[in-house]
C-alpha atoms as a PDB file:
ATOM      1  CA  MET A   1     -39.923 -27.917 -39.829  1.00  0.00           C
ATOM      2  CA  SER A   2     -36.772 -25.961 -40.626  1.00  0.00           C
ATOM      3  CA  ARG A   3     -33.337 -26.972 -39.371  1.00  0.00           C
ATOM      4  CA  LYS A   4     -33.141 -23.710 -37.432  1.00  0.00           C
ATOM      5  CA  ALA A   5     -36.377 -24.470 -35.616  1.00  0.00           C
ATOM      6  CA  ILE A   6     -35.195 -27.977 -34.857  1.00  0.00           C
ATOM      7  CA  ALA A   7     -31.869 -26.655 -33.613  1.00  0.00           C
ATOM      8  CA  THR A   8     -33.485 -24.100 -31.315  1.00  0.00           C
ATOM      9  CA  LYS A   9     -36.071 -26.484 -29.923  1.00  0.00           C
ATOM     10  CA  ARG A  10     -35.116 -27.378 -26.374  1.00  0.00           C
ATOM     11  CA  PRO A  11     -34.777 -31.076 -25.640  1.00  0.00           C
ATOM     12  CA  ILE A  12     -36.486 -32.640 -22.672  1.00  0.00           C
ATOM     13  CA  HIS A  13     -33.828 -33.649 -20.193  1.00  0.00           C
ATOM     14  CA  PRO A  14     -34.418 -36.810 -18.181  1.00  0.00           C
ATOM     15  CA  ASN A  15     -32.859 -35.094 -15.173  1.00  0.00           C
ATOM     16  CA  HIS A  16     -35.630 -32.472 -15.162  1.00  0.00           C
ATOM     17  CA  GLU A  17     -38.315 -35.151 -15.294  1.00  0.00           C
ATOM     18  CA  ALA A  18     -36.626 -37.087 -12.509  1.00  0.00           C
ATOM     19  CA  ARG A  19     -36.468 -33.951 -10.380  1.00  0.00           C
ATOM     20  CA  HIS A  20     -40.180 -33.296 -10.845  1.00  0.00           C
ATOM     21  CA  ILE A  21     -41.020 -36.887  -9.965  1.00  0.00           C
ATOM     22  CA  HIS A  22     -38.846 -36.596  -6.862  1.00  0.00           C
ATOM     23  CA  LEU A  23     -40.699 -33.452  -5.807  1.00  0.00           C
ATOM     24  CA  LEU A  24     -43.990 -35.310  -6.045  1.00  0.00           C
ATOM     25  CA  ARG A  25     -42.807 -38.521  -4.414  1.00  0.00           C
ATOM     26  CA  ARG A  26     -40.803 -37.201  -1.484  1.00  0.00           C
ATOM     27  CA  PRO A  27     -43.754 -36.146   0.739  1.00  0.00           C
ATOM     28  CA  PHE A  28     -45.451 -39.515   0.098  1.00  0.00           C
ATOM     29  CA  GLN A  29     -42.239 -41.312   1.009  1.00  0.00           C
ATOM     30  CA  ILE A  30     -42.111 -39.432   4.323  1.00  0.00           C
ATOM     31  CA  ILE A  31     -45.744 -40.304   5.026  1.00  0.00           C
ATOM     32  CA  ARG A  32     -45.228 -43.970   4.145  1.00  0.00           C
ATOM     33  CA  ALA A  33     -42.185 -44.210   6.409  1.00  0.00           C
ATOM     34  CA  ASN A  34     -44.148 -42.746   9.339  1.00  0.00           C
ATOM     35  CA  PHE A  35     -47.652 -43.869   8.449  1.00  0.00           C
ATOM     36  CA  ARG A  36     -48.829 -44.639  11.972  1.00  0.00           C
ATOM     37  CA  ALA A  37     -47.908 -41.162  13.204  1.00  0.00           C
ATOM     38  CA  TYR A  38     -49.589 -39.664  10.133  1.00  0.00           C
ATOM     39  CA  LEU A  39     -52.853 -41.470  10.920  1.00  0.00           C
ATOM     40  CA  ILE A  40     -52.732 -40.392  14.569  1.00  0.00           C
ATOM     41  CA  ILE A  41     -52.177 -36.750  13.611  1.00  0.00           C
ATOM     42  CA  ASN A  42     -55.121 -36.897  11.209  1.00  0.00           C
ATOM     43  CA  ALA A  43     -57.312 -38.429  13.902  1.00  0.00           C
ATOM     44  CA  ILE A  44     -56.374 -35.598  16.250  1.00  0.00           C
ATOM     45  CA  VAL A  45     -57.072 -32.818  13.747  1.00  0.00           C
ATOM     46  CA  TYR A  46     -60.356 -34.078  12.323  1.00  0.00           C
ATOM     47  CA  GLY A  47     -61.483 -35.445  15.676  1.00  0.00           C
ATOM     48  CA  LEU A  48     -61.036 -32.124  17.458  1.00  0.00           C
ATOM     49  CA  VAL A  49     -62.925 -30.230  14.752  1.00  0.00           C
ATOM     50  CA  ILE A  50     -65.805 -32.696  15.024  1.00  0.00           C
ATOM     51  CA  ALA A  51     -65.625 -32.420  18.821  1.00  0.00           C
ATOM     52  CA  GLY A  52     -65.888 -28.637  18.520  1.00  0.00           C
ATOM     53  CA  ILE A  53     -68.945 -28.888  16.270  1.00  0.00           C
ATOM     54  CA  VAL A  54     -70.645 -31.311  18.654  1.00  0.00           C
ATOM     55  CA  ALA A  55     -69.753 -29.189  21.686  1.00  0.00           C
ATOM     56  CA  ALA A  56     -71.262 -26.075  20.096  1.00  0.00           C
ATOM     57  CA  MET A  57     -74.444 -27.980  19.254  1.00  0.00           C
ATOM     58  CA  VAL A  58     -74.768 -29.387  22.791  1.00  0.00           C
ATOM     59  CA  PHE A  59     -73.726 -26.129  24.455  1.00  0.00           C
ATOM     60  CA  PRO A  60     -74.894 -23.260  22.169  1.00  0.00           C
ATOM     61  CA  ALA A  61     -73.196 -20.691  24.383  1.00  0.00           C
ATOM     62  CA  LEU A  62     -69.809 -21.984  23.212  1.00  0.00           C
ATOM     63  CA  GLY A  63     -70.707 -21.439  19.561  1.00  0.00           C
ATOM     64  CA  ALA A  64     -72.158 -18.012  20.339  1.00  0.00           C
ATOM     65  CA  ALA A  65     -68.974 -17.016  22.150  1.00  0.00           C
ATOM     66  CA  GLN A  66     -66.842 -18.086  19.176  1.00  0.00           C
ATOM     67  CA  ALA A  67     -69.104 -16.171  16.770  1.00  0.00           C
ATOM     68  CA  ALA A  68     -68.783 -13.091  18.978  1.00  0.00           C
ATOM     69  CA  THR A  69     -64.997 -13.456  18.891  1.00  0.00           C
ATOM     70  CA  LEU A  70     -65.037 -13.519  15.081  1.00  0.00           C
ATOM     71  CA  GLU A  71     -67.155 -10.362  15.082  1.00  0.00           C
ATOM     72  CA  ASP A  72     -64.901  -8.591  17.577  1.00  0.00           C
ATOM     73  CA  ASN A  73     -61.626  -9.382  15.800  1.00  0.00           C
ATOM     74  CA  GLY A  74     -62.967  -8.253  12.416  1.00  0.00           C
ATOM     75  CA  THR A  75     -62.996 -11.666  10.735  1.00  0.00           C
ATOM     76  CA  ALA A  76     -66.727 -11.587  10.049  1.00  0.00           C
ATOM     77  CA  ASP A  77     -66.541  -8.070   8.584  1.00  0.00           C
ATOM     78  CA  LEU A  78     -63.648  -9.122   6.334  1.00  0.00           C
ATOM     79  CA  VAL A  79     -65.626 -12.082   5.001  1.00  0.00           C
ATOM     80  CA  ARG A  80     -68.657  -9.917   4.268  1.00  0.00           C
ATOM     81  CA  SER A  81     -66.557  -7.290   2.482  1.00  0.00           C
ATOM     82  CA  LEU A  82     -64.913  -9.870   0.186  1.00  0.00           C
ATOM     83  CA  PHE A  83     -67.914 -12.105  -0.378  1.00  0.00           C
ATOM     84  CA  ASN A  84     -68.897 -10.655  -3.771  1.00  0.00           C
ATOM     85  CA  ASN A  85     -65.372 -10.927  -5.207  1.00  0.00           C
ATOM     86  CA  PRO A  86     -64.575 -14.670  -5.053  1.00  0.00           C
ATOM     87  CA  TRP A  87     -61.075 -14.384  -6.541  1.00  0.00           C
ATOM     88  CA  LEU A  88     -60.027 -11.769  -4.001  1.00  0.00           C
ATOM     89  CA  PHE A  89     -61.847 -13.767  -1.341  1.00  0.00           C
ATOM     90  CA  SER A  90     -59.968 -16.956  -2.246  1.00  0.00           C
ATOM     91  CA  THR A  91     -56.638 -15.109  -2.277  1.00  0.00           C
ATOM     92  CA  THR A  92     -57.365 -13.755   1.202  1.00  0.00           C
ATOM     93  CA  ILE A  93     -58.375 -17.197   2.443  1.00  0.00           C
ATOM     94  CA  LEU A  94     -55.151 -18.636   1.048  1.00  0.00           C
ATOM     95  CA  GLY A  95     -53.082 -15.978   2.813  1.00  0.00           C
ATOM     96  CA  VAL A  96     -54.901 -16.502   6.109  1.00  0.00           C
ATOM     97  CA  ASN A  97     -54.518 -20.290   5.928  1.00  0.00           C
ATOM     98  CA  VAL A  98     -50.806 -20.120   5.106  1.00  0.00           C
ATOM     99  CA  MET A  99     -50.201 -17.620   7.910  1.00  0.00           C
ATOM    100  CA  THR A 100     -52.225 -19.738  10.332  1.00  0.00           C
ATOM    101  CA  GLY A 101     -50.126 -22.788   9.508  1.00  0.00           C
ATOM    102  CA  ALA A 102     -46.913 -20.808   9.868  1.00  0.00           C
ATOM    103  CA  LEU A 103     -47.786 -18.993  13.098  1.00  0.00           C
ATOM    104  CA  TRP A 104     -49.668 -21.759  14.898  1.00  0.00           C
ATOM    105  CA  ILE A 105     -47.708 -24.836  13.800  1.00  0.00           C
ATOM    106  CA  VAL A 106     -44.396 -24.289  12.029  1.00  0.00           C
ATOM    107  CA  ILE A 107     -42.729 -21.373  13.823  1.00  0.00           C
ATOM    108  CA  PRO A 108     -43.521 -22.541  17.388  1.00  0.00           C
ATOM    109  CA  SER A 109     -42.252 -26.022  16.508  1.00  0.00           C
ATOM    110  CA  LEU A 110     -38.960 -24.545  15.305  1.00  0.00           C
ATOM    111  CA  ILE A 111     -38.406 -23.131  18.791  1.00  0.00           C
ATOM    112  CA  VAL A 112     -39.829 -25.760  21.149  1.00  0.00           C
ATOM    113  CA  PRO A 113     -40.376 -29.375  20.049  1.00  0.00           C
ATOM    114  CA  PHE A 114     -44.008 -30.367  19.408  1.00  0.00           C
ATOM    115  CA  THR A 115     -45.390 -26.967  20.464  1.00  0.00           C
ATOM    116  CA  GLY A 116     -47.202 -26.443  17.170  1.00  0.00           C
ATOM    117  CA  ILE A 117     -49.118 -29.692  17.643  1.00  0.00           C
ATOM    118  CA  ALA A 118     -50.569 -28.549  20.967  1.00  0.00           C
ATOM    119  CA  LEU A 119     -51.347 -25.050  19.709  1.00  0.00           C
ATOM    120  CA  PHE A 120     -53.167 -26.183  16.603  1.00  0.00           C
ATOM    121  CA  ALA A 121     -55.042 -28.860  18.548  1.00  0.00           C
ATOM    122  CA  TYR A 122     -56.692 -25.996  20.421  1.00  0.00           C
ATOM    123  CA  LYS A 123     -57.177 -24.087  17.157  1.00  0.00           C
ATOM    124  CA  ALA A 124     -58.874 -27.093  15.550  1.00  0.00           C
ATOM    125  CA  PHE A 125     -61.388 -27.271  18.387  1.00  0.00           C
ATOM    126  CA  THR A 126     -62.253 -23.573  18.017  1.00  0.00           C
ATOM    127  CA  LEU A 127     -62.653 -24.042  14.255  1.00  0.00           C
ATOM    128  CA  GLY A 128     -65.234 -26.690  15.023  1.00  0.00           C
ATOM    129  CA  LEU A 129     -67.046 -24.293  17.351  1.00  0.00           C
ATOM    130  CA  ALA A 130     -67.218 -21.707  14.566  1.00  0.00           C
ATOM    131  CA  MET A 131     -68.549 -24.205  12.000  1.00  0.00           C
ATOM    132  CA  ALA A 132     -71.394 -25.557  14.107  1.00  0.00           C
ATOM    133  CA  PRO A 133     -74.730 -25.261  12.234  1.00  0.00           C
ATOM    134  CA  SER A 134     -76.474 -22.897  14.633  1.00  0.00           C
ATOM    135  CA  THR A 135     -78.905 -21.681  11.942  1.00  0.00           C
ATOM    136  CA  GLU A 136     -80.610 -23.301   8.953  1.00  0.00           C
ATOM    137  CA  ILE A 137     -78.440 -21.330   6.530  1.00  0.00           C
ATOM    138  CA  MET A 138     -75.263 -22.454   8.312  1.00  0.00           C
ATOM    139  CA  ALA A 139     -76.496 -26.036   8.138  1.00  0.00           C
ATOM    140  CA  VAL A 140     -76.951 -25.725   4.368  1.00  0.00           C
ATOM    141  CA  ALA A 141     -73.557 -24.019   4.009  1.00  0.00           C
ATOM    142  CA  LEU A 142     -71.932 -26.925   5.814  1.00  0.00           C
ATOM    143  CA  ILE A 143     -72.855 -29.249   2.923  1.00  0.00           C
ATOM    144  CA  PRO A 144     -70.350 -27.791   0.402  1.00  0.00           C
ATOM    145  CA  HIS A 145     -68.125 -26.463   3.194  1.00  0.00           C
ATOM    146  CA  SER A 146     -67.461 -30.022   4.385  1.00  0.00           C
ATOM    147  CA  LEU A 147     -65.236 -30.481   1.326  1.00  0.00           C
ATOM    148  CA  THR A 148     -63.376 -27.295   2.249  1.00  0.00           C
ATOM    149  CA  VAL A 149     -62.847 -28.668   5.746  1.00  0.00           C
ATOM    150  CA  LEU A 150     -61.588 -31.984   4.382  1.00  0.00           C
ATOM    151  CA  ILE A 151     -59.035 -30.317   2.073  1.00  0.00           C
ATOM    152  CA  GLU A 152     -57.771 -27.544   4.321  1.00  0.00           C
ATOM    153  CA  LEU A 153     -57.544 -29.673   7.445  1.00  0.00           C
ATOM    154  CA  GLN A 154     -55.445 -32.166   5.504  1.00  0.00           C
ATOM    155  CA  ALA A 155     -52.990 -29.352   4.812  1.00  0.00           C
ATOM    156  CA  TYR A 156     -52.864 -28.475   8.499  1.00  0.00           C
ATOM    157  CA  ALA A 157     -52.502 -32.163   9.376  1.00  0.00           C
ATOM    158  CA  LEU A 158     -49.461 -32.396   7.092  1.00  0.00           C
ATOM    159  CA  LEU A 159     -47.891 -29.418   8.863  1.00  0.00           C
ATOM    160  CA  MET A 160     -48.608 -30.967  12.261  1.00  0.00           C
ATOM    161  CA  PHE A 161     -47.150 -34.234  10.993  1.00  0.00           C
ATOM    162  CA  GLY A 162     -44.028 -32.346   9.901  1.00  0.00           C
ATOM    163  CA  ALA A 163     -43.853 -30.665  13.312  1.00  0.00           C
ATOM    164  CA  TYR A 164     -43.985 -34.096  14.935  1.00  0.00           C
ATOM    165  CA  ILE A 165     -41.154 -35.434  12.754  1.00  0.00           C
ATOM    166  CA  LEU A 166     -39.061 -32.335  13.488  1.00  0.00           C
ATOM    167  CA  GLY A 167     -39.633 -32.649  17.224  1.00  0.00           C
ATOM    168  CA  ARG A 168     -38.930 -36.385  17.267  1.00  0.00           C
ATOM    169  CA  SER A 169     -35.776 -35.974  15.185  1.00  0.00           C
ATOM    170  CA  TRP A 170     -34.652 -33.135  17.435  1.00  0.00           C
ATOM    171  CA  VAL A 171     -35.257 -34.953  20.733  1.00  0.00           C
ATOM    172  CA  ARG A 172     -34.269 -38.437  19.508  1.00  0.00           C
ATOM    173  CA  PRO A 173     -31.790 -38.002  16.622  1.00  0.00           C
ATOM    174  CA  ALA A 174     -31.325 -41.748  16.190  1.00  0.00           C
ATOM    175  CA  THR A 175     -34.899 -42.054  14.831  1.00  0.00           C
ATOM    176  CA  ILE A 176     -33.791 -40.255  11.685  1.00  0.00           C
ATOM    177  CA  GLY A 177     -30.272 -41.644  11.523  1.00  0.00           C
ATOM    178  CA  ALA A 178     -28.578 -38.536  12.937  1.00  0.00           C
ATOM    179  CA  ARG A 179     -25.519 -38.518  15.179  1.00  0.00           C
ATOM    180  CA  ASN A 180     -26.538 -35.636  17.430  1.00  0.00           C
ATOM    181  CA  HIS A 181     -29.400 -33.242  18.210  1.00  0.00           C
ATOM    182  CA  ARG A 182     -28.178 -30.606  15.798  1.00  0.00           C
ATOM    183  CA  GLN A 183     -28.065 -33.015  12.882  1.00  0.00           C
ATOM    184  CA  GLY A 184     -31.418 -34.434  13.915  1.00  0.00           C
ATOM    185  CA  TYR A 185     -32.915 -30.935  13.905  1.00  0.00           C
ATOM    186  CA  VAL A 186     -31.586 -30.231  10.407  1.00  0.00           C
ATOM    187  CA  ARG A 187     -32.849 -33.506   8.964  1.00  0.00           C
ATOM    188  CA  GLY A 188     -36.217 -33.091  10.655  1.00  0.00           C
ATOM    189  CA  LEU A 189     -36.420 -29.553   9.302  1.00  0.00           C
ATOM    190  CA  GLN A 190     -35.789 -30.858   5.792  1.00  0.00           C
ATOM    191  CA  GLN A 191     -38.704 -33.264   6.085  1.00  0.00           C
ATOM    192  CA  LEU A 192     -40.922 -30.523   7.474  1.00  0.00           C
ATOM    193  CA  GLY A 193     -39.968 -28.450   4.436  1.00  0.00           C
ATOM    194  CA  TRP A 194     -41.008 -31.208   2.025  1.00  0.00           C
ATOM    195  CA  LEU A 195     -44.341 -31.636   3.775  1.00  0.00           C
ATOM    196  CA  SER A 196     -44.889 -27.871   3.824  1.00  0.00           C
ATOM    197  CA  LEU A 197     -44.490 -27.772   0.045  1.00  0.00           C
ATOM    198  CA  ALA A 198     -47.136 -30.486  -0.240  1.00  0.00           C
ATOM    199  CA  THR A 199     -49.628 -28.311   1.641  1.00  0.00           C
ATOM    200  CA  LEU A 200     -49.573 -25.491  -0.923  1.00  0.00           C
ATOM    201  CA  PRO A 201     -51.747 -27.240  -3.568  1.00  0.00           C
ATOM    202  CA  LEU A 202     -54.211 -28.207  -0.837  1.00  0.00           C
ATOM    203  CA  PHE A 203     -54.400 -24.661   0.498  1.00  0.00           C
ATOM    204  CA  ILE A 204     -54.867 -23.255  -3.021  1.00  0.00           C
ATOM    205  CA  VAL A 205     -57.613 -25.697  -4.021  1.00  0.00           C
ATOM    206  CA  GLY A 206     -59.320 -25.347  -0.654  1.00  0.00           C
ATOM    207  CA  ALA A 207     -59.308 -21.546  -0.808  1.00  0.00           C
ATOM    208  CA  ILE A 208     -60.767 -21.440  -4.326  1.00  0.00           C
ATOM    209  CA  TRP A 209     -63.472 -23.981  -3.513  1.00  0.00           C
ATOM    210  CA  GLU A 210     -64.372 -22.215  -0.257  1.00  0.00           C
ATOM    211  CA  ALA A 211     -64.746 -18.791  -1.850  1.00  0.00           C
ATOM    212  CA  PHE A 212     -66.685 -19.895  -4.930  1.00  0.00           C
ATOM    213  CA  SER A 213     -68.911 -22.388  -3.095  1.00  0.00           C
ATOM    214  CA  LEU A 214     -69.902 -19.787  -0.508  1.00  0.00           C
ATOM    215  CA  ARG A 215     -70.541 -17.183  -3.182  1.00  0.00           C
ATOM    216  CA  TYR A 216     -72.454 -19.259  -5.722  1.00  0.00           C
ATOM    217  CA  LEU A 217     -73.336 -22.735  -4.455  1.00  0.00           C
ATOM    218  CA  VAL A 218     -74.625 -21.961  -0.967  1.00  0.00           C
ATOM    219  CA  PRO A 219     -77.238 -19.401  -2.206  1.00  0.00           C
ATOM    220  CA  LEU A 220     -78.538 -21.970  -4.703  1.00  0.00           C
ATOM    221  CA  LEU A 221     -78.731 -24.719  -2.092  1.00  0.00           C
ATOM    222  CA  THR A 222     -80.457 -22.331   0.286  1.00  0.00           C
ATOM    223  CA  GLN A 223     -83.152 -21.602  -2.295  1.00  0.00           C
ATOM    224  CA  TRP A 224     -83.663 -25.293  -3.035  1.00  0.00           C
ATOM    225  CA  LEU A 225     -83.599 -26.646   0.525  1.00  0.00           C
ATOM    226  CA  LEU A 226     -85.112 -23.870   2.646  1.00  0.00           C
END
């Protein structure tokens, strides 16, 4: 290798590596410091989705009403129009999931403490209603879609967890080492920001898996199992 090439080659700075490690570790540090609350939030999110599925199976009218809502608001038509283009489909899913997290969890929690938790608790139940296996094809689709649910709900759970920390820090500043409500809000907002960053990989992976599994895997499973 020539001296010029060696001279122009950029060295790896330890500070850059440390920054990247910090970006990866910070959300886990927040979870570890508030692990009990994290588990409770997860139980709420996954539990309500399961409750919605069970409710739609016991009371089919609930599932039918949710399906009718998806038809009326254009969601079903959008899915059908994008179904054959999985990359565009996954991009749309990603956008919808990010907007759902922002509008249902983050933004309300910035205005009124803990509001996003209550709002998305209702949303999680309706998601369960929509996923109930009311037909044989939907039952087959739920096999690969269960992984989608696991990934994407974890992202929403992280946002709800962040909303809880923000609300707690805002109402009780001493829990985060703040002197007043304003400082508690700022520090809680910082932790919500870290947790929000951690949701992006989950939303991306979940959207890609959802689009491609529905397009390619579900038809194959349907042929094999039905």
